[in-house]
Amino acid sequence: MPVEFTEYVARQRPALMRFATVLTCQTWLAEDLVSDVLGRAFERWERISGMAEPNAYVRRMVVNEFLSWRRRLTRTSPRAEVEPVVISDGTDEWAERDAMIRRLAGLPRKQRAAVVLRYYAGLSDREIAAQLGCREPTVRSQIHRALNALRIDLTASAPNFQETS
């Protein structure tokens, strides 16, 4: 294994894992996704390492692999409900994080990818369009629809406080 690739993996794997975990909403799936992508990146490392933005290219590989996995899963098995994660420490912060991950998991794959690329990776519409292989108006539309769905879900699940007299 080339030293340069080994160093790249040592530096970038934690960030790729965090990105893939937010994208997939499941740590075990993120591990598989990142391992597969890094395996393919190793085979093409000579070409990838010469690019101006190798990190952007590898991140796009992660997004593409995620989208293709989601397509294969929806063709081969019925959509399963995301199991709630058991929260051991009981803090509100972890409960909110867990609830948001479940909400993200309920979004269609392209909407989820667009939201994660915008709010987690901090990419612009142009950069997201390049990552997803679509036009900028499509990115804005996907993000708008995703945020509306999340807003509706948050509103529906919010406690209904009514005054009693």
N, C-alpha and C. Protein backbone atom coordinates (compact mmCIF):
# COMPACT_ATOMS: atom_id res chain seq x y z
N MET A 1 0.85 -1.17 0.00
CA MET A 1 0.00 0.00 0.00
C MET A 1 0.90 1.24 0.00
N PRO A 2 0.66 2.18 -0.92
CA PRO A 2 1.49 3.39 -0.95
C PRO A 2 1.40 4.16 0.36
N VAL A 3 2.54 4.70 0.79
CA VAL A 3 2.60 5.47 2.04
C VAL A 3 1.65 6.66 1.97
N GLU A 4 1.60 7.32 0.82
CA GLU A 4 0.74 8.49 0.66
C GLU A 4 -0.74 8.13 0.90
N PHE A 5 -1.18 7.00 0.38
CA PHE A 5 -2.57 6.59 0.58
C PHE A 5 -2.81 6.24 2.05
N THR A 6 -1.88 5.55 2.67
CA THR A 6 -2.00 5.20 4.09
C THR A 6 -2.12 6.46 4.94
N GLU A 7 -1.31 7.46 4.62
CA GLU A 7 -1.38 8.73 5.36
C GLU A 7 -2.71 9.43 5.11
N TYR A 8 -3.18 9.39 3.86
CA TYR A 8 -4.48 10.00 3.53
C TYR A 8 -5.59 9.35 4.35
N VAL A 9 -5.61 8.03 4.40
CA VAL A 9 -6.64 7.31 5.15
C VAL A 9 -6.54 7.65 6.63
N ALA A 10 -5.34 7.70 7.18
CA ALA A 10 -5.17 8.03 8.60
C ALA A 10 -5.71 9.42 8.91
N ARG A 11 -5.49 10.37 8.00
CA ARG A 11 -5.96 11.75 8.21
C ARG A 11 -7.46 11.91 7.95
N GLN A 12 -7.97 11.28 6.89
CA GLN A 12 -9.33 11.59 6.42
C GLN A 12 -10.40 10.59 6.83
N ARG A 13 -10.03 9.38 7.24
CA ARG A 13 -11.04 8.38 7.57
C ARG A 13 -11.99 8.84 8.68
N PRO A 14 -11.50 9.46 9.76
CA PRO A 14 -12.45 9.90 10.79
C PRO A 14 -13.49 10.89 10.25
N ALA A 15 -13.06 11.84 9.42
CA ALA A 15 -14.01 12.80 8.84
C ALA A 15 -14.96 12.11 7.88
N LEU A 16 -14.45 11.18 7.08
CA LEU A 16 -15.33 10.43 6.17
C LEU A 16 -16.34 9.59 6.95
N MET A 17 -15.91 9.02 8.07
CA MET A 17 -16.83 8.23 8.91
C MET A 17 -17.93 9.12 9.48
N ARG A 18 -17.57 10.29 9.98
CA ARG A 18 -18.58 11.20 10.52
C ARG A 18 -19.57 11.59 9.43
N PHE A 19 -19.04 11.94 8.26
CA PHE A 19 -19.89 12.33 7.13
C PHE A 19 -20.82 11.18 6.74
N ALA A 20 -20.27 9.99 6.60
CA ALA A 20 -21.08 8.83 6.19
C ALA A 20 -22.09 8.44 7.26
N THR A 21 -21.75 8.62 8.52
CA THR A 21 -22.68 8.30 9.60
C THR A 21 -23.88 9.24 9.57
N VAL A 22 -23.63 10.51 9.34
CA VAL A 22 -24.74 11.46 9.22
C VAL A 22 -25.57 11.14 7.99
N LEU A 23 -24.91 10.76 6.91
CA LEU A 23 -25.60 10.46 5.66
C LEU A 23 -26.46 9.20 5.77
N THR A 24 -25.92 8.14 6.37
CA THR A 24 -26.64 6.87 6.44
C THR A 24 -27.52 6.73 7.67
N CYS A 25 -27.23 7.50 8.70
CA CYS A 25 -27.94 7.44 9.99
C CYS A 25 -27.68 6.14 10.73
N GLN A 26 -26.68 5.39 10.31
CA GLN A 26 -26.36 4.13 10.98
C GLN A 26 -24.84 3.92 10.92
N THR A 27 -24.23 3.77 12.09
CA THR A 27 -22.77 3.65 12.16
C THR A 27 -22.26 2.43 11.40
N TRP A 28 -22.92 1.29 11.56
CA TRP A 28 -22.44 0.08 10.89
C TRP A 28 -22.49 0.23 9.37
N LEU A 29 -23.52 0.88 8.86
CA LEU A 29 -23.63 1.08 7.42
C LEU A 29 -22.57 2.08 6.94
N ALA A 30 -22.31 3.10 7.75
CA ALA A 30 -21.27 4.08 7.42
C ALA A 30 -19.91 3.40 7.33
N GLU A 31 -19.63 2.48 8.25
CA GLU A 31 -18.35 1.76 8.23
C GLU A 31 -18.21 0.96 6.94
N ASP A 32 -19.27 0.25 6.54
CA ASP A 32 -19.24 -0.51 5.29
C ASP A 32 -19.05 0.42 4.09
N LEU A 33 -19.78 1.51 4.10
CA LEU A 33 -19.73 2.47 3.00
C LEU A 33 -18.32 3.05 2.84
N VAL A 34 -17.75 3.52 3.93
CA VAL A 34 -16.40 4.12 3.88
C VAL A 34 -15.36 3.07 3.49
N SER A 35 -15.48 1.87 4.01
CA SER A 35 -14.53 0.80 3.64
C SER A 35 -14.59 0.50 2.15
N ASP A 36 -15.80 0.37 1.61
CA ASP A 36 -15.94 0.10 0.18
C ASP A 36 -15.35 1.23 -0.65
N VAL A 37 -15.66 2.47 -0.27
CA VAL A 37 -15.17 3.62 -1.03
C VAL A 37 -13.65 3.72 -0.95
N LEU A 38 -13.08 3.53 0.23
CA LEU A 38 -11.62 3.61 0.35
C LEU A 38 -10.95 2.47 -0.42
N GLY A 39 -11.59 1.32 -0.48
CA GLY A 39 -11.05 0.22 -1.29
C GLY A 39 -10.99 0.59 -2.77
N ARG A 40 -12.08 1.21 -3.26
CA ARG A 40 -12.10 1.65 -4.65
C ARG A 40 -11.13 2.82 -4.88
N ALA A 41 -11.02 3.70 -3.88
CA ALA A 41 -10.09 4.84 -3.99
C ALA A 41 -8.65 4.34 -4.06
N PHE A 42 -8.33 3.29 -3.31
CA PHE A 42 -6.97 2.73 -3.34
C PHE A 42 -6.62 2.25 -4.75
N GLU A 43 -7.59 1.59 -5.40
CA GLU A 43 -7.35 1.08 -6.75
C GLU A 43 -7.08 2.22 -7.74
N ARG A 44 -7.64 3.40 -7.47
CA ARG A 44 -7.51 4.54 -8.38
C ARG A 44 -6.65 5.66 -7.78
N TRP A 45 -5.90 5.36 -6.73
CA TRP A 45 -5.22 6.41 -5.97
C TRP A 45 -4.25 7.23 -6.81
N GLU A 46 -3.58 6.61 -7.75
CA GLU A 46 -2.62 7.35 -8.57
C GLU A 46 -3.33 8.50 -9.29
N ARG A 47 -4.53 8.25 -9.80
CA ARG A 47 -5.29 9.29 -10.49
C ARG A 47 -5.91 10.27 -9.50
N ILE A 48 -6.49 9.76 -8.41
CA ILE A 48 -7.17 10.61 -7.43
C ILE A 48 -6.19 11.55 -6.74
N SER A 49 -5.02 11.05 -6.38
CA SER A 49 -4.05 11.88 -5.65
C SER A 49 -3.55 13.05 -6.48
N GLY A 50 -3.64 12.94 -7.80
CA GLY A 50 -3.20 14.03 -8.67
C GLY A 50 -4.26 15.10 -8.89
N MET A 51 -5.45 14.89 -8.36
CA MET A 51 -6.54 15.86 -8.54
C MET A 51 -6.33 17.07 -7.64
N ALA A 52 -6.96 18.17 -8.03
CA ALA A 52 -6.87 19.40 -7.23
C ALA A 52 -7.54 19.22 -5.88
N GLU A 53 -8.64 18.49 -5.83
CA GLU A 53 -9.42 18.29 -4.59
C GLU A 53 -9.70 16.80 -4.36
N PRO A 54 -8.70 16.02 -3.94
CA PRO A 54 -8.96 14.59 -3.74
C PRO A 54 -10.03 14.33 -2.68
N ASN A 55 -10.11 15.18 -1.63
CA ASN A 55 -11.13 14.98 -0.59
C ASN A 55 -12.53 15.13 -1.15
N ALA A 56 -12.72 16.14 -2.00
CA ALA A 56 -14.04 16.35 -2.61
C ALA A 56 -14.41 15.15 -3.48
N TYR A 57 -13.43 14.62 -4.20
CA TYR A 57 -13.70 13.47 -5.06
C TYR A 57 -14.08 12.24 -4.23
N VAL A 58 -13.35 11.99 -3.16
CA VAL A 58 -13.65 10.82 -2.31
C VAL A 58 -15.00 11.01 -1.62
N ARG A 59 -15.30 12.24 -1.18
CA ARG A 59 -16.61 12.49 -0.57
C ARG A 59 -17.73 12.25 -1.58
N ARG A 60 -17.49 12.65 -2.84
CA ARG A 60 -18.50 12.38 -3.86
C ARG A 60 -18.65 10.87 -4.07
N MET A 61 -17.55 10.14 -3.99
CA MET A 61 -17.64 8.68 -4.08
C MET A 61 -18.53 8.14 -2.96
N VAL A 62 -18.39 8.70 -1.75
CA VAL A 62 -19.22 8.27 -0.62
C VAL A 62 -20.69 8.55 -0.91
N VAL A 63 -20.99 9.75 -1.40
CA VAL A 63 -22.38 10.11 -1.72
C VAL A 63 -22.93 9.19 -2.81
N ASN A 64 -22.16 8.99 -3.88
CA ASN A 64 -22.62 8.13 -4.97
C ASN A 64 -22.86 6.70 -4.50
N GLU A 65 -21.96 6.20 -3.69
CA GLU A 65 -22.12 4.84 -3.17
C GLU A 65 -23.36 4.75 -2.28
N PHE A 66 -23.56 5.77 -1.43
CA PHE A 66 -24.75 5.82 -0.58
C PHE A 66 -26.02 5.80 -1.43
N LEU A 67 -26.06 6.63 -2.46
CA LEU A 67 -27.26 6.69 -3.31
C LEU A 67 -27.48 5.37 -4.03
N SER A 68 -26.42 4.73 -4.50
CA SER A 68 -26.60 3.45 -5.20
C SER A 68 -26.99 2.35 -4.24
N TRP A 69 -26.47 2.37 -3.00
CA TRP A 69 -26.89 1.38 -2.00
C TRP A 69 -28.36 1.54 -1.71
N ARG A 70 -28.80 2.79 -1.56
CA ARG A 70 -30.20 3.05 -1.24
C ARG A 70 -31.09 2.54 -2.38
N ARG A 71 -30.66 2.73 -3.62
CA ARG A 71 -31.45 2.23 -4.76
C ARG A 71 -31.53 0.71 -4.71
N ARG A 72 -30.37 0.06 -4.46
CA ARG A 72 -30.37 -1.41 -4.41
C ARG A 72 -31.24 -1.91 -3.26
N LEU A 73 -31.15 -1.27 -2.10
CA LEU A 73 -31.94 -1.70 -0.96
C LEU A 73 -33.43 -1.55 -1.21
N THR A 74 -33.85 -0.47 -1.85
CA THR A 74 -35.28 -0.27 -2.08
C THR A 74 -35.80 -1.24 -3.13
N ARG A 75 -34.95 -1.68 -4.03
CA ARG A 75 -35.38 -2.66 -5.03
C ARG A 75 -35.47 -4.07 -4.45
N THR A 76 -34.62 -4.37 -3.47
CA THR A 76 -34.54 -5.75 -3.00
C THR A 76 -35.30 -6.03 -1.71
N SER A 77 -35.60 -4.99 -0.93
CA SER A 77 -36.28 -5.25 0.33
C SER A 77 -37.26 -4.14 0.65
N PRO A 78 -38.30 -4.47 1.39
CA PRO A 78 -39.24 -3.42 1.78
C PRO A 78 -38.56 -2.43 2.71
N ARG A 79 -39.06 -1.22 2.71
CA ARG A 79 -38.47 -0.18 3.56
C ARG A 79 -38.73 -0.51 5.02
N ALA A 80 -37.66 -0.57 5.76
CA ALA A 80 -37.77 -0.90 7.18
C ALA A 80 -37.78 0.37 8.01
N GLU A 81 -38.44 0.31 9.12
CA GLU A 81 -38.43 1.44 10.05
C GLU A 81 -37.06 1.50 10.72
N VAL A 82 -36.60 2.69 10.96
CA VAL A 82 -35.32 2.87 11.65
C VAL A 82 -35.55 2.61 13.12
N GLU A 83 -34.76 1.72 13.67
CA GLU A 83 -34.87 1.39 15.09
C GLU A 83 -34.36 2.55 15.94
N PRO A 84 -35.09 2.93 16.96
CA PRO A 84 -34.57 3.98 17.83
C PRO A 84 -33.31 3.51 18.55
N VAL A 85 -32.39 4.40 18.71
CA VAL A 85 -31.14 4.09 19.40
C VAL A 85 -31.38 4.24 20.90
N VAL A 86 -30.92 3.26 21.66
CA VAL A 86 -31.05 3.34 23.11
C VAL A 86 -30.08 4.40 23.62
N ILE A 87 -30.61 5.31 24.40
CA ILE A 87 -29.79 6.40 24.93
C ILE A 87 -29.42 6.06 26.36
N SER A 88 -28.13 5.91 26.59
CA SER A 88 -27.69 5.47 27.91
C SER A 88 -27.49 6.60 28.90
N ASP A 89 -27.16 7.82 28.42
CA ASP A 89 -26.86 8.88 29.37
C ASP A 89 -28.07 9.75 29.72
N GLY A 90 -29.13 9.71 28.94
CA GLY A 90 -30.36 10.40 29.27
C GLY A 90 -30.35 11.90 29.11
N THR A 91 -29.34 12.49 28.51
CA THR A 91 -29.31 13.94 28.38
C THR A 91 -30.19 14.38 27.22
N ASP A 92 -30.71 15.59 27.34
CA ASP A 92 -31.57 16.14 26.29
C ASP A 92 -30.84 16.29 24.97
N GLU A 93 -29.56 16.64 25.05
CA GLU A 93 -28.77 16.83 23.82
C GLU A 93 -28.73 15.55 22.99
N TRP A 94 -28.46 14.43 23.64
CA TRP A 94 -28.41 13.16 22.92
C TRP A 94 -29.78 12.76 22.41
N ALA A 95 -30.81 13.04 23.17
CA ALA A 95 -32.17 12.71 22.73
C ALA A 95 -32.54 13.52 21.49
N GLU A 96 -32.18 14.79 21.47
CA GLU A 96 -32.46 15.63 20.30
C GLU A 96 -31.67 15.14 19.09
N ARG A 97 -30.41 14.79 19.29
CA ARG A 97 -29.58 14.28 18.20
C ARG A 97 -30.17 13.00 17.63
N ASP A 98 -30.58 12.10 18.51
CA ASP A 98 -31.16 10.84 18.08
C ASP A 98 -32.46 11.08 17.32
N ALA A 99 -33.29 11.97 17.81
CA ALA A 99 -34.55 12.28 17.14
C ALA A 99 -34.29 12.88 15.75
N MET A 100 -33.29 13.74 15.65
CA MET A 100 -32.99 14.34 14.35
C MET A 100 -32.45 13.30 13.38
N ILE A 101 -31.64 12.38 13.85
CA ILE A 101 -31.14 11.31 12.97
C ILE A 101 -32.30 10.47 12.45
N ARG A 102 -33.27 10.16 13.31
CA ARG A 102 -34.44 9.40 12.86
C ARG A 102 -35.23 10.19 11.83
N ARG A 103 -35.35 11.49 12.05
CA ARG A 103 -36.07 12.32 11.07
C ARG A 103 -35.32 12.36 9.74
N LEU A 104 -33.99 12.51 9.79
CA LEU A 104 -33.20 12.49 8.57
C LEU A 104 -33.35 11.15 7.84
N ALA A 105 -33.38 10.07 8.60
CA ALA A 105 -33.51 8.74 7.99
C ALA A 105 -34.82 8.59 7.24
N GLY A 106 -35.83 9.36 7.62
CA GLY A 106 -37.12 9.28 6.95
C GLY A 106 -37.20 10.06 5.65
N LEU A 107 -36.19 10.88 5.36
CA LEU A 107 -36.20 11.66 4.12
C LEU A 107 -35.82 10.79 2.93
N PRO A 108 -36.31 11.12 1.74
CA PRO A 108 -35.83 10.43 0.53
C PRO A 108 -34.32 10.64 0.40
N ARG A 109 -33.64 9.70 -0.23
CA ARG A 109 -32.19 9.68 -0.25
C ARG A 109 -31.56 10.95 -0.82
N LYS A 110 -32.08 11.49 -1.91
CA LYS A 110 -31.47 12.68 -2.51
C LYS A 110 -31.68 13.90 -1.62
N GLN A 111 -32.85 14.00 -1.00
CA GLN A 111 -33.09 15.11 -0.09
C GLN A 111 -32.14 15.01 1.10
N ARG A 112 -31.99 13.81 1.64
CA ARG A 112 -31.09 13.63 2.78
C ARG A 112 -29.66 13.99 2.40
N ALA A 113 -29.22 13.53 1.23
CA ALA A 113 -27.85 13.83 0.79
C ALA A 113 -27.66 15.33 0.63
N ALA A 114 -28.64 16.02 0.05
CA ALA A 114 -28.53 17.47 -0.15
C ALA A 114 -28.46 18.21 1.19
N VAL A 115 -29.30 17.81 2.14
CA VAL A 115 -29.31 18.46 3.46
C VAL A 115 -27.99 18.20 4.19
N VAL A 116 -27.50 16.99 4.14
CA VAL A 116 -26.24 16.66 4.82
C VAL A 116 -25.07 17.43 4.18
N LEU A 117 -25.05 17.49 2.85
CA LEU A 117 -23.98 18.22 2.19
C LEU A 117 -24.04 19.71 2.52
N ARG A 118 -25.24 20.27 2.67
CA ARG A 118 -25.37 21.70 2.98
C ARG A 118 -25.03 21.98 4.43
N TYR A 119 -25.71 21.30 5.35
CA TYR A 119 -25.62 21.68 6.75
C TYR A 119 -24.54 20.93 7.54
N TYR A 120 -24.11 19.78 7.07
CA TYR A 120 -23.04 19.06 7.76
C TYR A 120 -21.69 19.37 7.11
N ALA A 121 -21.64 19.22 5.77
CA ALA A 121 -20.38 19.46 5.07
C ALA A 121 -20.16 20.94 4.75
N GLY A 122 -21.22 21.75 4.82
CA GLY A 122 -21.09 23.19 4.60
C GLY A 122 -20.83 23.58 3.15
N LEU A 123 -21.34 22.79 2.21
CA LEU A 123 -21.11 23.07 0.79
C LEU A 123 -22.13 24.07 0.25
N SER A 124 -21.74 24.77 -0.81
CA SER A 124 -22.64 25.71 -1.49
C SER A 124 -23.55 24.93 -2.45
N ASP A 125 -24.56 25.62 -3.00
CA ASP A 125 -25.46 24.98 -3.97
C ASP A 125 -24.66 24.44 -5.16
N ARG A 126 -23.70 25.23 -5.64
CA ARG A 126 -22.89 24.81 -6.78
C ARG A 126 -22.11 23.53 -6.45
N GLU A 127 -21.50 23.50 -5.27
CA GLU A 127 -20.71 22.33 -4.86
C GLU A 127 -21.60 21.10 -4.65
N ILE A 128 -22.77 21.32 -4.08
CA ILE A 128 -23.70 20.20 -3.87
C ILE A 128 -24.17 19.66 -5.22
N ALA A 129 -24.48 20.57 -6.15
CA ALA A 129 -24.90 20.14 -7.49
C ALA A 129 -23.82 19.29 -8.15
N ALA A 130 -22.57 19.69 -7.99
CA ALA A 130 -21.47 18.90 -8.55
C ALA A 130 -21.37 17.54 -7.87
N GLN A 131 -21.55 17.50 -6.55
CA GLN A 131 -21.48 16.23 -5.81
C GLN A 131 -22.61 15.28 -6.21
N LEU A 132 -23.82 15.84 -6.40
CA LEU A 132 -24.98 15.00 -6.69
C LEU A 132 -25.22 14.80 -8.18
N GLY A 133 -24.49 15.53 -9.01
CA GLY A 133 -24.67 15.39 -10.45
C GLY A 133 -25.99 15.96 -10.94
N CYS A 134 -26.39 17.11 -10.41
CA CYS A 134 -27.64 17.74 -10.83
C CYS A 134 -27.41 19.24 -10.94
N ARG A 135 -28.48 19.99 -11.24
CA ARG A 135 -28.37 21.45 -11.38
C ARG A 135 -28.64 22.13 -10.05
N GLU A 136 -28.18 23.38 -9.92
CA GLU A 136 -28.35 24.13 -8.68
C GLU A 136 -29.82 24.32 -8.29
N PRO A 137 -30.74 24.62 -9.24
CA PRO A 137 -32.15 24.75 -8.84
C PRO A 137 -32.70 23.44 -8.24
N THR A 138 -32.21 22.31 -8.74
CA THR A 138 -32.64 21.02 -8.19
C THR A 138 -32.16 20.88 -6.76
N VAL A 139 -30.95 21.32 -6.49
CA VAL A 139 -30.41 21.28 -5.12
C VAL A 139 -31.29 22.11 -4.20
N ARG A 140 -31.58 23.34 -4.62
CA ARG A 140 -32.42 24.22 -3.78
C ARG A 140 -33.79 23.60 -3.55
N SER A 141 -34.36 22.99 -4.58
CA SER A 141 -35.66 22.34 -4.45
C SER A 141 -35.60 21.16 -3.48
N GLN A 142 -34.57 20.34 -3.60
CA GLN A 142 -34.43 19.18 -2.71
C GLN A 142 -34.28 19.63 -1.26
N ILE A 143 -33.47 20.65 -1.02
CA ILE A 143 -33.27 21.15 0.34
C ILE A 143 -34.56 21.77 0.87
N HIS A 144 -35.25 22.53 0.03
CA HIS A 144 -36.51 23.15 0.44
C HIS A 144 -37.53 22.08 0.85
N ARG A 145 -37.67 21.06 0.02
CA ARG A 145 -38.63 19.98 0.32
C ARG A 145 -38.23 19.23 1.60
N ALA A 146 -36.94 18.98 1.75
CA ALA A 146 -36.47 18.26 2.94
C ALA A 146 -36.74 19.08 4.20
N LEU A 147 -36.42 20.37 4.15
CA LEU A 147 -36.65 21.21 5.32
C LEU A 147 -38.14 21.33 5.64
N ASN A 148 -38.98 21.40 4.61
CA ASN A 148 -40.43 21.41 4.86
C ASN A 148 -40.88 20.12 5.53
N ALA A 149 -40.38 18.99 5.03
CA ALA A 149 -40.76 17.71 5.63
C ALA A 149 -40.29 17.63 7.08
N LEU A 150 -39.06 18.09 7.34
CA LEU A 150 -38.55 18.08 8.72
C LEU A 150 -39.35 19.04 9.60
N ARG A 151 -39.72 20.19 9.05
CA ARG A 151 -40.50 21.16 9.81
C ARG A 151 -41.87 20.57 10.17
N ILE A 152 -42.51 19.93 9.21
CA ILE A 152 -43.82 19.31 9.46
C ILE A 152 -43.68 18.22 10.51
N ASP A 153 -42.64 17.40 10.38
CA ASP A 153 -42.42 16.33 11.36
C ASP A 153 -42.17 16.89 12.75
N LEU A 154 -41.35 17.93 12.83
CA LEU A 154 -41.08 18.55 14.13
C LEU A 154 -42.33 19.17 14.72
N THR A 155 -43.15 19.81 13.89
CA THR A 155 -44.38 20.43 14.37
C THR A 155 -45.36 19.37 14.84
N ALA A 156 -45.46 18.28 14.08
CA ALA A 156 -46.41 17.21 14.44
C ALA A 156 -45.99 16.50 15.73
N SER A 157 -44.69 16.41 15.97
CA SER A 157 -44.23 15.68 17.16
C SER A 157 -44.05 16.59 18.37
N ALA A 158 -44.23 17.89 18.19
CA ALA A 158 -44.08 18.82 19.32
C ALA A 158 -45.25 18.65 20.28
N PRO A 159 -45.00 18.79 21.57
CA PRO A 159 -46.09 18.67 22.52
C PRO A 159 -47.13 19.77 22.28
N ASN A 160 -48.37 19.41 22.44
CA ASN A 160 -49.46 20.36 22.23
C ASN A 160 -49.88 20.92 23.58
N PHE A 161 -49.40 22.11 23.88
CA PHE A 161 -49.72 22.73 25.17
C PHE A 161 -51.01 23.53 25.03
N GLN A 162 -51.97 23.16 25.81
CA GLN A 162 -53.23 23.88 25.81
C GLN A 162 -53.49 24.39 27.21
N GLU A 163 -54.02 25.59 27.25
CA GLU A 163 -54.35 26.15 28.56
C GLU A 163 -55.60 25.47 29.09
N THR A 164 -55.59 25.19 30.36
CA THR A 164 -56.78 24.65 31.00
C THR A 164 -57.33 25.71 31.93
N SER A 165 -58.63 25.86 31.90
CA SER A 165 -59.21 26.88 32.78
C SER A 165 -60.17 26.29 33.75
